């Protein structure tokens, strides 16, 4: 019973309509790629200078940096491919929550806006699932 719940969480519901799945595929590719570019830019800018990276949750600048890179680079690939889709979105959602409420908590909306938009999109994608054009669909079929 618990394994079935985990499987349903990870690999979403089957038989998403084709038109809906196409929209989800486009959103996954577009927003996953945009977020990936943020991660690559962060990696190339801060790599070697991780002590200058913010430490918003008190775990150290270096670990905060590598967790942000993981969310923005590795997890973006999971979203783009639809592989372990919802699991990939969790670090991305957490990163945007930290950016929105901690890093930019006192900033005006114009500064918070990108984090708010990404957070909203990631939450909507989390709820909807990856659609039929995803690696998760293949994994769901293999797992039965």
Protein backbone atom coordinates (compact mmCIF):
# COMPACT_ATOMS: atom_id res chain seq x y z
CA UNK A 1 0.00 0.00 0.00
CA UNK A 2 2.77 2.46 0.93
CA UNK A 3 4.81 1.43 -2.11
CA UNK A 4 1.81 2.14 -4.33
CA UNK A 5 1.48 5.63 -2.81
CA UNK A 6 5.18 6.30 -3.38
CA UNK A 7 4.88 5.03 -6.95
CA UNK A 8 1.84 7.26 -7.58
CA UNK A 9 3.66 10.25 -6.10
CA UNK A 10 6.82 9.72 -8.11
CA UNK A 11 5.32 8.63 -11.39
CA UNK A 12 1.96 10.48 -11.41
CA UNK A 13 -1.27 9.37 -12.93
CA UNK A 14 -1.32 7.65 -16.32
CA UNK A 15 -3.29 8.74 -19.38
CA UNK A 16 -2.83 12.51 -19.38
CA UNK A 17 -4.56 13.92 -22.49
CA UNK A 18 -2.16 14.55 -25.40
CA UNK A 19 -2.80 18.31 -25.65
CA UNK A 20 -2.25 18.75 -21.94
CA UNK A 21 0.92 16.64 -22.12
CA UNK A 22 2.28 18.81 -24.95
CA UNK A 23 1.73 21.95 -22.86
CA UNK A 24 3.47 20.28 -19.90
CA UNK A 25 6.37 19.22 -22.13
CA UNK A 26 6.81 22.78 -23.41
CA UNK A 27 6.63 24.19 -19.86
CA UNK A 28 9.11 21.60 -18.58
CA UNK A 29 11.60 22.34 -21.34
CA UNK A 30 11.20 26.11 -21.19
CA UNK A 31 11.30 26.67 -17.44
CA UNK A 32 13.73 23.83 -16.77
CA UNK A 33 16.15 25.32 -19.31
CA UNK A 34 15.78 28.84 -17.93
CA UNK A 35 16.44 27.60 -14.40
CA UNK A 36 19.38 25.54 -15.69
CA UNK A 37 20.91 28.72 -17.17
CA UNK A 38 20.63 30.40 -13.76
CA UNK A 39 22.51 27.50 -12.22
CA UNK A 40 25.22 27.47 -14.89
CA UNK A 41 25.71 31.23 -14.51
CA UNK A 42 25.91 30.86 -10.73
CA UNK A 43 28.38 28.00 -11.06
CA UNK A 44 30.70 29.84 -13.45
CA UNK A 45 30.51 33.10 -11.46
CA UNK A 46 30.97 31.77 -7.93
CA UNK A 47 32.97 28.58 -8.43
CA UNK A 48 36.14 28.93 -6.39
CA UNK A 49 34.60 31.80 -4.40
CA UNK A 50 31.94 29.85 -2.53
CA UNK A 51 32.81 31.65 0.71
CA UNK A 52 31.16 34.75 -0.81
CA UNK A 53 27.91 32.90 -1.49
CA UNK A 54 25.02 33.73 0.90
CA UNK A 55 24.33 31.35 3.79
CA UNK A 56 20.59 31.95 4.26
CA UNK A 57 19.76 28.88 6.34
CA UNK A 58 22.94 28.63 8.44
CA UNK A 59 24.59 25.56 6.87
CA UNK A 60 27.66 27.34 5.53
CA UNK A 61 28.33 29.22 2.32
CA UNK A 62 29.96 26.32 0.50
CA UNK A 63 27.15 23.85 1.24
CA UNK A 64 24.50 26.46 0.43
CA UNK A 65 26.25 27.07 -2.88
CA UNK A 66 26.42 23.39 -3.83
CA UNK A 67 22.81 22.76 -2.82
CA UNK A 68 21.70 25.70 -4.98
CA UNK A 69 23.77 24.35 -7.88
CA UNK A 70 22.27 20.89 -7.39
CA UNK A 71 18.74 22.33 -7.47
CA UNK A 72 19.39 24.64 -10.41
CA UNK A 73 21.48 22.29 -12.58
CA UNK A 74 20.91 18.62 -11.73
CA UNK A 75 17.23 18.96 -10.82
CA UNK A 76 16.58 21.08 -13.90
CA UNK A 77 17.64 18.12 -16.04
CA UNK A 78 15.16 15.94 -14.15
CA UNK A 79 12.39 18.45 -14.88
CA UNK A 80 13.33 18.85 -18.55
CA UNK A 81 13.41 15.08 -19.11
CA UNK A 82 10.47 14.34 -16.84
CA UNK A 83 12.68 11.95 -14.86
CA UNK A 84 11.78 11.59 -11.18
CA UNK A 85 9.91 14.76 -11.95
CA UNK A 86 8.23 15.57 -8.65
CA UNK A 87 11.29 14.53 -6.68
CA UNK A 88 13.39 16.86 -8.85
CA UNK A 89 11.01 19.74 -8.21
CA UNK A 90 11.27 19.56 -4.41
CA UNK A 91 14.80 21.09 -4.20
CA UNK A 92 13.85 23.65 -6.85
CA UNK A 93 10.77 24.70 -4.88
CA UNK A 94 12.80 24.86 -1.66
CA UNK A 95 15.48 26.99 -3.35
CA UNK A 96 12.87 29.45 -4.61
CA UNK A 97 11.23 29.62 -1.17
CA UNK A 98 14.60 30.48 0.37
CA UNK A 99 15.27 33.06 -2.36
CA UNK A 100 11.81 34.61 -2.02
CA UNK A 101 11.34 34.62 1.75
CA UNK A 102 14.90 34.72 3.12
CA UNK A 103 17.36 36.16 0.59
CA UNK A 104 14.92 38.73 -0.84
CA UNK A 105 12.50 38.84 2.09
CA UNK A 106 12.92 42.58 2.67
CA UNK A 107 13.35 43.52 -0.99
CA UNK A 108 10.65 45.16 -3.12
CA UNK A 109 8.42 43.01 -5.31
CA UNK A 110 10.39 43.95 -8.42
CA UNK A 111 13.42 42.13 -6.96
CA UNK A 112 11.37 39.19 -5.61
CA UNK A 113 9.43 38.74 -8.84
CA UNK A 114 11.68 36.15 -10.57
CA UNK A 115 11.72 33.91 -7.48
CA UNK A 116 7.96 34.28 -7.10
CA UNK A 117 7.34 33.40 -10.75
CA UNK A 118 9.60 30.34 -10.65
CA UNK A 119 8.05 29.20 -7.37
CA UNK A 120 4.54 29.51 -8.81
CA UNK A 121 5.46 27.62 -11.98
CA UNK A 122 7.27 24.88 -10.07
CA UNK A 123 4.31 24.42 -7.71
CA UNK A 124 1.90 24.18 -10.66
CA UNK A 125 4.17 21.65 -12.39
CA UNK A 126 4.48 19.68 -9.14
CA UNK A 127 0.70 19.44 -8.92
CA UNK A 128 0.18 18.59 -12.59
CA UNK A 129 2.94 16.01 -13.01
CA UNK A 130 5.18 15.60 -16.06
CA UNK A 131 2.60 14.44 -18.58
CA UNK A 132 2.83 11.56 -21.02
CA UNK A 133 6.01 12.70 -22.80
CA UNK A 134 8.38 11.93 -19.95
CA UNK A 135 10.83 9.38 -18.67
CA UNK A 136 8.51 8.90 -15.71
CA UNK A 137 5.88 7.47 -18.07
CA UNK A 138 8.39 4.89 -19.28
CA UNK A 139 9.36 4.07 -15.69
CA UNK A 140 5.69 3.78 -14.72
CA UNK A 141 5.14 1.29 -17.56
CA UNK A 142 8.20 -0.75 -16.60
CA UNK A 143 7.12 -0.86 -12.95
CA UNK A 144 3.64 -1.98 -13.92
